[in-house]
């Protein structure tokens, strides 16, 4: 299990919702990157027994179940009560992870201001936080899970391109969708 810094432990005391971002499965088995995210989340959940976990991830090609379901199975098999887990099984991108998780949190009567955190691998933290903030999460805490050495180079290179895309395209699209939603009501799906 990853070690948490003193800052991370201090920050999670006020956390109500912990969003675990999905990642590749091999059939129903988590990839090494997803396993690292799950391990970091499990450690946090054991430190703070009030945290509600949002397992966020749809089903990709060559996956036998949704990433959300596989994550839930991991947590339950490690002693986490099902009542502390919310499934978000429809997302297929980081943007959707945060947007659809927000909908689930708000549906339970929760809030995304000053009480949320997310877990992802170190290569993915920067862009994930930017997207979460753009969607409306206030003071979201980032928890960086270990990135396996075997996939570091490819993941950081791919993420670098995704960050460029974020600044060139995605940020503008999200702002436009948010403006349209305000102008025409909240019935717009994005």
N, C-alpha and C. Protein backbone atom coordinates (compact mmCIF):
# COMPACT_ATOMS: atom_id res chain seq x y z
N UNK A 1 0.83 -1.19 0.00
CA UNK A 1 0.00 0.00 0.00
C UNK A 1 0.88 1.24 0.00
N UNK A 2 0.42 2.29 -0.71
CA UNK A 2 1.21 3.51 -0.77
C UNK A 2 1.20 4.21 0.59
N UNK A 3 2.26 4.95 0.85
CA UNK A 3 2.34 5.73 2.07
C UNK A 3 1.69 7.09 1.82
N UNK A 4 0.94 7.55 2.79
CA UNK A 4 0.32 8.86 2.68
C UNK A 4 1.17 9.88 3.42
N UNK A 5 1.27 11.07 2.83
CA UNK A 5 2.00 12.12 3.50
C UNK A 5 1.15 12.67 4.65
N UNK A 6 1.79 13.38 5.54
CA UNK A 6 1.06 14.01 6.66
C UNK A 6 0.00 14.97 6.12
N UNK A 7 0.33 15.69 5.04
CA UNK A 7 -0.62 16.63 4.45
C UNK A 7 -1.85 15.90 3.94
N UNK A 8 -1.64 14.78 3.23
CA UNK A 8 -2.78 14.02 2.72
C UNK A 8 -3.66 13.51 3.85
N UNK A 9 -3.05 13.02 4.92
CA UNK A 9 -3.83 12.52 6.05
C UNK A 9 -4.62 13.65 6.68
N UNK A 10 -3.99 14.82 6.83
CA UNK A 10 -4.68 15.98 7.41
C UNK A 10 -5.84 16.42 6.52
N UNK A 11 -5.61 16.48 5.22
CA UNK A 11 -6.64 16.94 4.29
C UNK A 11 -7.84 16.01 4.22
N UNK A 12 -7.64 14.72 4.39
CA UNK A 12 -8.76 13.80 4.22
C UNK A 12 -9.71 13.77 5.42
N UNK A 13 -9.36 14.41 6.50
CA UNK A 13 -10.25 14.40 7.66
C UNK A 13 -11.58 15.07 7.37
N UNK A 14 -11.61 16.02 6.47
CA UNK A 14 -12.85 16.73 6.14
C UNK A 14 -13.50 16.21 4.86
N UNK A 15 -12.97 15.14 4.31
CA UNK A 15 -13.47 14.62 3.05
C UNK A 15 -14.70 13.75 3.28
N UNK A 16 -15.74 14.02 2.50
CA UNK A 16 -16.96 13.21 2.56
C UNK A 16 -17.02 12.26 1.37
N UNK A 17 -16.57 12.72 0.18
CA UNK A 17 -16.65 11.92 -1.04
C UNK A 17 -15.26 11.74 -1.64
N UNK A 18 -14.93 10.50 -1.93
CA UNK A 18 -13.66 10.16 -2.56
C UNK A 18 -13.96 9.52 -3.91
N UNK A 19 -13.63 10.22 -4.98
CA UNK A 19 -13.87 9.73 -6.33
C UNK A 19 -12.63 8.97 -6.79
N UNK A 20 -12.83 7.71 -7.13
CA UNK A 20 -11.72 6.89 -7.66
C UNK A 20 -11.92 6.83 -9.17
N UNK A 21 -10.99 7.42 -9.91
CA UNK A 21 -11.11 7.46 -11.36
C UNK A 21 -10.78 6.11 -11.96
N UNK A 22 -11.62 5.67 -12.88
CA UNK A 22 -11.45 4.37 -13.51
C UNK A 22 -10.20 4.29 -14.36
N UNK A 23 -9.82 3.08 -14.64
CA UNK A 23 -8.66 2.79 -15.47
C UNK A 23 -8.86 1.38 -16.01
N UNK A 24 -8.05 0.99 -16.92
CA UNK A 24 -8.20 -0.26 -17.66
C UNK A 24 -8.34 -1.51 -16.79
N UNK A 25 -9.20 -2.39 -17.27
CA UNK A 25 -9.34 -3.73 -16.70
C UNK A 25 -8.85 -4.75 -17.71
N UNK A 26 -8.42 -5.89 -17.23
CA UNK A 26 -8.14 -7.05 -18.08
C UNK A 26 -9.22 -8.06 -17.74
N UNK A 27 -10.28 -8.07 -18.52
CA UNK A 27 -11.45 -8.87 -18.19
C UNK A 27 -12.16 -8.22 -17.02
N UNK A 28 -11.98 -8.78 -15.82
CA UNK A 28 -12.51 -8.17 -14.60
C UNK A 28 -11.39 -7.80 -13.63
N UNK A 29 -10.15 -8.02 -14.04
CA UNK A 29 -8.99 -7.77 -13.18
C UNK A 29 -8.44 -6.37 -13.41
N UNK A 30 -8.27 -5.59 -12.34
CA UNK A 30 -7.72 -4.24 -12.50
C UNK A 30 -6.30 -4.26 -13.07
N UNK A 31 -6.02 -3.31 -13.95
CA UNK A 31 -4.66 -3.11 -14.43
C UNK A 31 -3.81 -2.66 -13.25
N UNK A 32 -2.50 -2.64 -13.43
CA UNK A 32 -1.61 -2.22 -12.34
C UNK A 32 -1.89 -0.78 -11.94
N UNK A 33 -2.15 0.10 -12.91
CA UNK A 33 -2.46 1.50 -12.57
C UNK A 33 -3.74 1.58 -11.75
N UNK A 34 -4.77 0.85 -12.14
CA UNK A 34 -6.02 0.87 -11.38
C UNK A 34 -5.81 0.28 -9.99
N UNK A 35 -5.03 -0.80 -9.91
CA UNK A 35 -4.75 -1.40 -8.61
C UNK A 35 -4.10 -0.38 -7.66
N UNK A 36 -3.18 0.41 -8.17
CA UNK A 36 -2.52 1.43 -7.35
C UNK A 36 -3.52 2.49 -6.87
N UNK A 37 -4.45 2.88 -7.73
CA UNK A 37 -5.50 3.83 -7.33
C UNK A 37 -6.36 3.23 -6.23
N UNK A 38 -6.75 1.98 -6.42
CA UNK A 38 -7.60 1.30 -5.44
C UNK A 38 -6.88 1.15 -4.10
N UNK A 39 -5.60 0.82 -4.14
CA UNK A 39 -4.82 0.66 -2.91
C UNK A 39 -4.72 1.97 -2.14
N UNK A 40 -4.47 3.07 -2.86
CA UNK A 40 -4.40 4.38 -2.21
C UNK A 40 -5.76 4.75 -1.61
N UNK A 41 -6.83 4.50 -2.35
CA UNK A 41 -8.17 4.81 -1.85
C UNK A 41 -8.50 3.98 -0.62
N UNK A 42 -8.14 2.71 -0.64
CA UNK A 42 -8.43 1.83 0.49
C UNK A 42 -7.74 2.34 1.76
N UNK A 43 -6.52 2.80 1.60
CA UNK A 43 -5.80 3.35 2.76
C UNK A 43 -6.52 4.58 3.30
N UNK A 44 -7.00 5.44 2.43
CA UNK A 44 -7.72 6.64 2.87
C UNK A 44 -9.02 6.27 3.57
N UNK A 45 -9.71 5.31 3.02
CA UNK A 45 -11.01 4.89 3.57
C UNK A 45 -10.84 4.27 4.95
N UNK A 46 -9.71 3.63 5.16
CA UNK A 46 -9.46 3.03 6.48
C UNK A 46 -9.08 4.10 7.51
N UNK A 47 -8.50 5.22 7.06
CA UNK A 47 -8.16 6.32 7.96
C UNK A 47 -9.41 7.12 8.31
N UNK A 48 -10.29 7.30 7.36
CA UNK A 48 -11.52 8.08 7.57
C UNK A 48 -12.72 7.19 7.26
N UNK A 49 -13.36 6.69 8.27
CA UNK A 49 -14.50 5.76 8.11
C UNK A 49 -15.78 6.45 7.67
N UNK A 50 -15.77 7.79 7.55
CA UNK A 50 -16.96 8.52 7.09
C UNK A 50 -16.97 8.75 5.59
N UNK A 51 -15.87 8.45 4.92
CA UNK A 51 -15.76 8.70 3.48
C UNK A 51 -16.71 7.79 2.71
N UNK A 52 -17.37 8.39 1.73
CA UNK A 52 -18.17 7.64 0.77
C UNK A 52 -17.35 7.58 -0.52
N UNK A 53 -17.19 6.38 -1.04
CA UNK A 53 -16.38 6.17 -2.25
C UNK A 53 -17.28 6.24 -3.47
N UNK A 54 -16.85 7.01 -4.47
CA UNK A 54 -17.54 7.02 -5.76
C UNK A 54 -16.63 6.29 -6.74
N UNK A 55 -17.04 5.10 -7.15
CA UNK A 55 -16.28 4.30 -8.12
C UNK A 55 -16.74 4.75 -9.50
N UNK A 56 -15.86 5.40 -10.26
CA UNK A 56 -16.24 6.03 -11.51
C UNK A 56 -15.51 5.42 -12.71
N UNK A 57 -16.27 4.74 -13.57
CA UNK A 57 -15.66 4.19 -14.78
C UNK A 57 -16.60 3.24 -15.50
N UNK A 58 -16.73 3.44 -16.79
CA UNK A 58 -17.59 2.60 -17.62
C UNK A 58 -16.88 1.35 -18.08
N UNK A 59 -17.47 0.69 -19.05
CA UNK A 59 -16.91 -0.55 -19.59
C UNK A 59 -16.26 -0.27 -20.93
N UNK A 60 -14.99 -0.61 -21.04
CA UNK A 60 -14.27 -0.41 -22.28
C UNK A 60 -14.18 -1.68 -23.10
N UNK A 61 -13.57 -1.57 -24.26
CA UNK A 61 -13.34 -2.73 -25.11
C UNK A 61 -12.51 -3.76 -24.34
N UNK A 62 -12.82 -5.02 -24.52
CA UNK A 62 -12.11 -6.13 -23.89
C UNK A 62 -12.21 -6.13 -22.36
N UNK A 63 -13.19 -5.42 -21.83
CA UNK A 63 -13.46 -5.46 -20.40
C UNK A 63 -14.77 -6.21 -20.20
N UNK A 64 -14.79 -7.12 -19.24
CA UNK A 64 -15.96 -7.97 -19.03
C UNK A 64 -16.99 -7.36 -18.09
N UNK A 65 -16.69 -6.22 -17.51
CA UNK A 65 -17.60 -5.51 -16.61
C UNK A 65 -17.21 -4.04 -16.62
N UNK A 66 -17.98 -3.23 -15.93
CA UNK A 66 -17.59 -1.82 -15.83
C UNK A 66 -16.43 -1.70 -14.85
N UNK A 67 -15.63 -0.67 -15.05
CA UNK A 67 -14.54 -0.39 -14.12
C UNK A 67 -15.12 -0.10 -12.73
N UNK A 68 -16.27 0.59 -12.69
CA UNK A 68 -16.92 0.89 -11.41
C UNK A 68 -17.26 -0.38 -10.64
N UNK A 69 -17.81 -1.37 -11.32
CA UNK A 69 -18.18 -2.64 -10.67
C UNK A 69 -16.94 -3.37 -10.16
N UNK A 70 -15.88 -3.41 -10.97
CA UNK A 70 -14.64 -4.07 -10.53
C UNK A 70 -14.05 -3.36 -9.31
N UNK A 71 -14.13 -2.03 -9.29
CA UNK A 71 -13.62 -1.28 -8.15
C UNK A 71 -14.45 -1.59 -6.90
N UNK A 72 -15.77 -1.62 -7.06
CA UNK A 72 -16.63 -1.94 -5.93
C UNK A 72 -16.30 -3.32 -5.38
N UNK A 73 -16.12 -4.29 -6.27
CA UNK A 73 -15.78 -5.64 -5.84
C UNK A 73 -14.47 -5.65 -5.04
N UNK A 74 -13.50 -4.87 -5.48
CA UNK A 74 -12.22 -4.76 -4.76
C UNK A 74 -12.45 -4.24 -3.34
N UNK A 75 -13.20 -3.16 -3.24
CA UNK A 75 -13.41 -2.56 -1.91
C UNK A 75 -14.19 -3.49 -0.99
N UNK A 76 -15.24 -4.10 -1.51
CA UNK A 76 -16.05 -5.01 -0.68
C UNK A 76 -15.20 -6.20 -0.22
N UNK A 77 -14.38 -6.73 -1.12
CA UNK A 77 -13.53 -7.88 -0.74
C UNK A 77 -12.45 -7.48 0.27
N UNK A 78 -12.23 -6.18 0.42
CA UNK A 78 -11.26 -5.68 1.40
C UNK A 78 -11.94 -5.07 2.62
N UNK A 79 -13.22 -5.42 2.83
CA UNK A 79 -13.89 -5.06 4.07
C UNK A 79 -14.65 -3.75 4.10
N UNK A 80 -14.77 -3.07 2.96
CA UNK A 80 -15.52 -1.81 2.93
C UNK A 80 -17.01 -2.14 2.75
N UNK A 81 -17.84 -1.51 3.57
CA UNK A 81 -19.27 -1.76 3.50
C UNK A 81 -19.85 -1.24 2.19
N UNK A 82 -20.75 -2.01 1.59
CA UNK A 82 -21.38 -1.60 0.33
C UNK A 82 -22.11 -0.28 0.47
N UNK A 83 -22.63 0.01 1.65
CA UNK A 83 -23.38 1.25 1.88
C UNK A 83 -22.50 2.49 1.74
N UNK A 84 -21.19 2.31 1.74
CA UNK A 84 -20.26 3.44 1.60
C UNK A 84 -19.79 3.62 0.16
N UNK A 85 -20.39 2.89 -0.78
CA UNK A 85 -19.92 2.91 -2.16
C UNK A 85 -21.04 3.36 -3.09
N UNK A 86 -20.72 4.34 -3.94
CA UNK A 86 -21.62 4.79 -5.00
C UNK A 86 -21.00 4.36 -6.32
N UNK A 87 -21.80 3.75 -7.19
CA UNK A 87 -21.31 3.35 -8.52
C UNK A 87 -21.66 4.41 -9.55
N UNK A 88 -20.68 4.75 -10.36
CA UNK A 88 -20.88 5.61 -11.53
C UNK A 88 -20.32 4.81 -12.70
N UNK A 89 -21.16 4.02 -13.39
CA UNK A 89 -20.67 3.07 -14.39
C UNK A 89 -20.74 3.54 -15.85
N UNK A 90 -20.95 4.82 -16.08
CA UNK A 90 -21.21 5.28 -17.45
C UNK A 90 -20.09 6.09 -18.09
N UNK A 91 -19.11 6.53 -17.33
CA UNK A 91 -18.10 7.44 -17.87
C UNK A 91 -17.05 6.72 -18.71
N UNK A 92 -16.56 7.46 -19.72
CA UNK A 92 -15.51 6.94 -20.60
C UNK A 92 -14.39 7.95 -20.80
N UNK A 93 -14.35 8.99 -19.96
CA UNK A 93 -13.29 10.00 -20.04
C UNK A 93 -13.16 10.65 -18.67
N UNK A 94 -12.08 11.36 -18.47
CA UNK A 94 -11.88 12.05 -17.20
C UNK A 94 -12.97 13.09 -16.98
N UNK A 95 -13.32 13.80 -18.04
CA UNK A 95 -14.41 14.77 -17.94
C UNK A 95 -15.69 14.08 -17.44
N UNK A 96 -16.05 12.98 -18.07
CA UNK A 96 -17.26 12.26 -17.68
C UNK A 96 -17.15 11.69 -16.27
N UNK A 97 -15.96 11.23 -15.87
CA UNK A 97 -15.78 10.74 -14.49
C UNK A 97 -16.26 11.80 -13.50
N UNK A 98 -15.79 13.02 -13.68
CA UNK A 98 -16.14 14.08 -12.73
C UNK A 98 -17.57 14.57 -12.91
N UNK A 99 -18.02 14.72 -14.12
CA UNK A 99 -19.38 15.21 -14.36
C UNK A 99 -20.42 14.21 -13.85
N UNK A 100 -20.27 12.95 -14.20
CA UNK A 100 -21.25 11.94 -13.79
C UNK A 100 -21.17 11.65 -12.29
N UNK A 101 -19.96 11.73 -11.72
CA UNK A 101 -19.82 11.56 -10.27
C UNK A 101 -20.49 12.72 -9.54
N UNK A 102 -20.36 13.91 -10.08
CA UNK A 102 -21.03 15.08 -9.51
C UNK A 102 -22.54 14.85 -9.45
N UNK A 103 -23.11 14.35 -10.54
CA UNK A 103 -24.55 14.07 -10.58
C UNK A 103 -24.93 13.07 -9.49
N UNK A 104 -24.13 12.02 -9.31
CA UNK A 104 -24.41 11.00 -8.29
C UNK A 104 -24.33 11.60 -6.88
N UNK A 105 -23.31 12.41 -6.64
CA UNK A 105 -23.14 13.03 -5.33
C UNK A 105 -24.31 13.96 -5.01
N UNK A 106 -24.68 14.80 -5.98
CA UNK A 106 -25.78 15.74 -5.76
C UNK A 106 -27.10 15.01 -5.56
N UNK A 107 -27.28 13.88 -6.26
CA UNK A 107 -28.51 13.08 -6.11
C UNK A 107 -28.67 12.52 -4.70
N UNK A 108 -27.55 12.27 -4.02
CA UNK A 108 -27.63 11.75 -2.66
C UNK A 108 -27.80 12.87 -1.63
N UNK A 109 -27.90 14.11 -2.13
CA UNK A 109 -28.03 15.25 -1.22
C UNK A 109 -26.69 15.81 -0.80
N UNK A 110 -25.63 15.33 -1.41
CA UNK A 110 -24.29 15.79 -1.07
C UNK A 110 -23.91 17.07 -1.81
N UNK A 111 -22.70 17.49 -1.60
CA UNK A 111 -22.17 18.71 -2.19
C UNK A 111 -20.78 18.42 -2.75
N UNK A 112 -20.36 19.24 -3.71
CA UNK A 112 -19.01 19.08 -4.26
C UNK A 112 -18.13 20.27 -3.86
N UNK A 113 -18.54 20.95 -2.82
CA UNK A 113 -17.76 22.09 -2.34
C UNK A 113 -17.07 21.76 -1.03
N UNK A 114 -15.77 21.84 -1.03
CA UNK A 114 -14.96 21.74 0.18
C UNK A 114 -15.01 20.39 0.88
N UNK A 115 -15.44 19.34 0.20
CA UNK A 115 -15.50 18.05 0.90
C UNK A 115 -15.23 16.86 -0.02
N UNK A 116 -14.61 17.11 -1.16
CA UNK A 116 -14.36 16.03 -2.13
C UNK A 116 -12.87 15.83 -2.35
N UNK A 117 -12.54 14.61 -2.74
CA UNK A 117 -11.17 14.28 -3.14
C UNK A 117 -11.26 13.30 -4.30
N UNK A 118 -10.17 13.16 -5.03
CA UNK A 118 -10.11 12.14 -6.07
C UNK A 118 -8.77 11.44 -6.00
N UNK A 119 -8.78 10.20 -6.48
CA UNK A 119 -7.56 9.40 -6.54
C UNK A 119 -7.30 9.03 -7.99
N UNK A 120 -6.09 9.28 -8.43
CA UNK A 120 -5.64 8.84 -9.74
C UNK A 120 -4.12 8.67 -9.66
N UNK A 121 -3.52 8.16 -10.71
CA UNK A 121 -2.07 7.99 -10.71
C UNK A 121 -1.38 9.33 -10.89
N UNK A 122 -0.12 9.39 -10.48
CA UNK A 122 0.63 10.65 -10.48
C UNK A 122 0.64 11.33 -11.85
N UNK A 123 0.72 10.58 -12.93
CA UNK A 123 0.78 11.19 -14.27
C UNK A 123 -0.52 11.89 -14.63
N UNK A 124 -1.60 11.58 -13.97
CA UNK A 124 -2.95 12.02 -14.35
C UNK A 124 -3.51 13.10 -13.43
N UNK A 125 -2.81 13.45 -12.37
CA UNK A 125 -3.33 14.35 -11.34
C UNK A 125 -3.55 15.77 -11.86
N UNK A 126 -2.59 16.35 -12.54
CA UNK A 126 -2.67 17.75 -12.94
C UNK A 126 -3.92 18.03 -13.78
N UNK A 127 -4.09 17.30 -14.86
CA UNK A 127 -5.23 17.53 -15.76
C UNK A 127 -6.54 17.18 -15.07
N UNK A 128 -6.55 16.14 -14.27
CA UNK A 128 -7.77 15.75 -13.56
C UNK A 128 -8.24 16.86 -12.65
N UNK A 129 -7.33 17.46 -11.92
CA UNK A 129 -7.71 18.56 -11.02
C UNK A 129 -8.24 19.75 -11.81
N UNK A 130 -7.62 20.06 -12.91
CA UNK A 130 -8.09 21.18 -13.75
C UNK A 130 -9.51 20.92 -14.25
N UNK A 131 -9.78 19.72 -14.70
CA UNK A 131 -11.12 19.37 -15.20
C UNK A 131 -12.13 19.43 -14.06
N UNK A 132 -11.80 18.87 -12.91
CA UNK A 132 -12.72 18.88 -11.76
C UNK A 132 -13.08 20.31 -11.37
N UNK A 133 -12.09 21.18 -11.32
CA UNK A 133 -12.35 22.57 -10.94
C UNK A 133 -13.21 23.28 -11.98
N UNK A 134 -12.98 22.99 -13.25
CA UNK A 134 -13.77 23.59 -14.31
C UNK A 134 -15.24 23.16 -14.23
N UNK A 135 -15.48 21.94 -13.80
CA UNK A 135 -16.84 21.41 -13.67
C UNK A 135 -17.55 21.98 -12.45
N UNK A 136 -16.78 22.47 -11.47
CA UNK A 136 -17.41 23.10 -10.32
C UNK A 136 -17.02 22.56 -8.97
N UNK A 137 -16.12 21.58 -8.91
CA UNK A 137 -15.66 21.09 -7.62
C UNK A 137 -14.84 22.20 -6.96
N UNK A 138 -15.15 22.52 -5.73
CA UNK A 138 -14.43 23.57 -5.01
C UNK A 138 -13.48 22.93 -4.01
N UNK A 139 -12.23 23.38 -4.05
CA UNK A 139 -11.19 22.90 -3.12
C UNK A 139 -11.09 21.38 -3.10
N UNK A 140 -11.16 20.77 -4.26
CA UNK A 140 -11.05 19.31 -4.33
C UNK A 140 -9.61 18.90 -4.00
N UNK A 141 -9.48 17.86 -3.21
CA UNK A 141 -8.18 17.36 -2.78
C UNK A 141 -7.72 16.28 -3.75
N UNK A 142 -6.49 16.39 -4.19
CA UNK A 142 -5.95 15.39 -5.12
C UNK A 142 -5.10 14.40 -4.34
N UNK A 143 -5.31 13.13 -4.63
CA UNK A 143 -4.52 12.06 -4.02
C UNK A 143 -3.79 11.33 -5.16
N UNK A 144 -2.50 11.37 -5.11
CA UNK A 144 -1.68 10.81 -6.18
C UNK A 144 -1.26 9.39 -5.84
N UNK A 145 -1.74 8.44 -6.63
CA UNK A 145 -1.34 7.04 -6.47
C UNK A 145 -0.07 6.80 -7.29
N UNK A 146 0.66 5.82 -6.90
CA UNK A 146 1.90 5.43 -7.56
C UNK A 146 1.65 5.08 -9.03
N UNK A 147 2.56 5.49 -9.89
CA UNK A 147 2.52 5.08 -11.29
C UNK A 147 3.58 4.00 -11.49
N UNK A 148 3.16 2.80 -11.89
CA UNK A 148 4.13 1.71 -12.08
C UNK A 148 5.24 2.08 -13.07
N UNK A 149 6.46 1.69 -12.76
CA UNK A 149 7.61 2.04 -13.59
C UNK A 149 7.46 1.55 -15.02
N UNK A 150 6.87 0.37 -15.19
CA UNK A 150 6.76 -0.21 -16.53
C UNK A 150 5.91 0.65 -17.47
N UNK A 151 5.03 1.45 -16.92
CA UNK A 151 4.15 2.25 -17.78
C UNK A 151 4.38 3.75 -17.65
N UNK A 152 5.40 4.16 -16.90
CA UNK A 152 5.62 5.58 -16.65
C UNK A 152 5.82 6.39 -17.93
N UNK A 153 6.75 5.96 -18.76
CA UNK A 153 7.08 6.74 -19.95
C UNK A 153 5.86 6.89 -20.86
N UNK A 154 5.20 5.79 -21.17
CA UNK A 154 4.06 5.86 -22.09
C UNK A 154 2.91 6.67 -21.49
N UNK A 155 2.67 6.51 -20.20
CA UNK A 155 1.58 7.27 -19.59
C UNK A 155 1.88 8.76 -19.52
N UNK A 156 3.10 9.14 -19.17
CA UNK A 156 3.44 10.56 -19.11
C UNK A 156 3.43 11.19 -20.51
N UNK A 157 3.88 10.45 -21.51
CA UNK A 157 3.84 10.98 -22.88
C UNK A 157 2.40 11.18 -23.35
N UNK A 158 1.56 10.17 -23.14
CA UNK A 158 0.15 10.27 -23.54
C UNK A 158 -0.55 11.39 -22.77
N UNK A 159 -0.26 11.50 -21.49
CA UNK A 159 -0.88 12.54 -20.68
C UNK A 159 -0.42 13.92 -21.10
N UNK A 160 0.83 14.04 -21.51
CA UNK A 160 1.33 15.33 -22.02
C UNK A 160 0.50 15.79 -23.21
N UNK A 161 0.19 14.87 -24.12
CA UNK A 161 -0.65 15.21 -25.27
C UNK A 161 -2.07 15.56 -24.83
N UNK A 162 -2.56 14.86 -23.82
CA UNK A 162 -3.91 15.15 -23.31
C UNK A 162 -3.97 16.52 -22.66
N UNK A 163 -2.90 16.93 -22.00
CA UNK A 163 -2.86 18.27 -21.39
C UNK A 163 -2.88 19.34 -22.48
N UNK A 164 -2.14 19.11 -23.56
CA UNK A 164 -2.18 20.06 -24.68
C UNK A 164 -3.59 20.14 -25.25
N UNK A 165 -4.24 19.00 -25.44
CA UNK A 165 -5.62 18.97 -25.93
C UNK A 165 -6.55 19.71 -24.97
N UNK A 166 -6.33 19.53 -23.67
CA UNK A 166 -7.15 20.21 -22.67
C UNK A 166 -7.07 21.72 -22.88
N UNK A 167 -5.86 22.25 -23.00
CA UNK A 167 -5.71 23.70 -23.14
C UNK A 167 -6.16 24.22 -24.50
N UNK A 168 -6.01 23.41 -25.53
CA UNK A 168 -6.40 23.87 -26.87
C UNK A 168 -7.89 23.69 -27.15
N UNK A 169 -8.50 22.63 -26.62
CA UNK A 169 -9.87 22.29 -27.03
C UNK A 169 -10.85 22.06 -25.89
N UNK A 170 -10.52 21.14 -25.00
CA UNK A 170 -11.50 20.68 -24.02
C UNK A 170 -11.96 21.78 -23.07
N UNK A 171 -11.06 22.58 -22.58
CA UNK A 171 -11.43 23.65 -21.64
C UNK A 171 -12.46 24.59 -22.27
N UNK A 172 -12.23 24.95 -23.53
CA UNK A 172 -13.16 25.83 -24.24
C UNK A 172 -14.52 25.16 -24.44
N UNK A 173 -14.51 23.87 -24.78
CA UNK A 173 -15.77 23.14 -24.98
C UNK A 173 -16.57 23.06 -23.69
N UNK A 174 -15.90 22.78 -22.58
CA UNK A 174 -16.60 22.69 -21.30
C UNK A 174 -17.22 24.03 -20.93
N UNK A 175 -16.47 25.10 -21.08
CA UNK A 175 -17.00 26.43 -20.76
C UNK A 175 -18.20 26.76 -21.64
N UNK A 176 -18.15 26.40 -22.92
CA UNK A 176 -19.26 26.66 -23.82
C UNK A 176 -20.49 25.86 -23.40
N UNK A 177 -20.30 24.59 -23.04
CA UNK A 177 -21.43 23.76 -22.60
C UNK A 177 -22.03 24.31 -21.32
N UNK A 178 -21.18 24.79 -20.41
CA UNK A 178 -21.68 25.36 -19.16
C UNK A 178 -22.47 26.64 -19.44
N UNK A 179 -22.01 27.46 -20.36
CA UNK A 179 -22.73 28.69 -20.72
C UNK A 179 -24.07 28.34 -21.33
N UNK A 180 -24.10 27.38 -22.25
CA UNK A 180 -25.36 26.96 -22.86
C UNK A 180 -26.33 26.41 -21.82
N UNK A 181 -25.80 25.68 -20.86
CA UNK A 181 -26.63 25.12 -19.81
C UNK A 181 -27.26 26.23 -18.98
N UNK A 182 -26.49 27.27 -18.67
CA UNK A 182 -27.04 28.41 -17.91
C UNK A 182 -28.05 29.19 -18.74
N UNK A 183 -27.76 29.37 -20.04
CA UNK A 183 -28.63 30.16 -20.91
C UNK A 183 -29.94 29.47 -21.23
N UNK A 184 -29.91 28.14 -21.36
CA UNK A 184 -31.08 27.41 -21.82
C UNK A 184 -31.64 26.43 -20.79
N UNK A 185 -31.21 26.54 -19.57
CA UNK A 185 -31.69 25.62 -18.54
C UNK A 185 -30.74 24.45 -18.41
N UNK A 186 -30.97 23.62 -17.44
CA UNK A 186 -30.08 22.50 -17.16
C UNK A 186 -30.48 21.23 -17.85
N UNK A 187 -31.21 21.31 -18.97
CA UNK A 187 -31.65 20.10 -19.68
C UNK A 187 -30.66 19.64 -20.72
N UNK A 188 -29.57 20.37 -20.90
CA UNK A 188 -28.58 20.01 -21.90
C UNK A 188 -27.69 18.90 -21.34
N UNK A 189 -27.55 17.84 -22.10
CA UNK A 189 -26.66 16.73 -21.71
C UNK A 189 -25.32 16.93 -22.37
N UNK A 190 -24.24 16.79 -21.58
CA UNK A 190 -22.90 16.88 -22.15
C UNK A 190 -21.98 15.93 -21.48
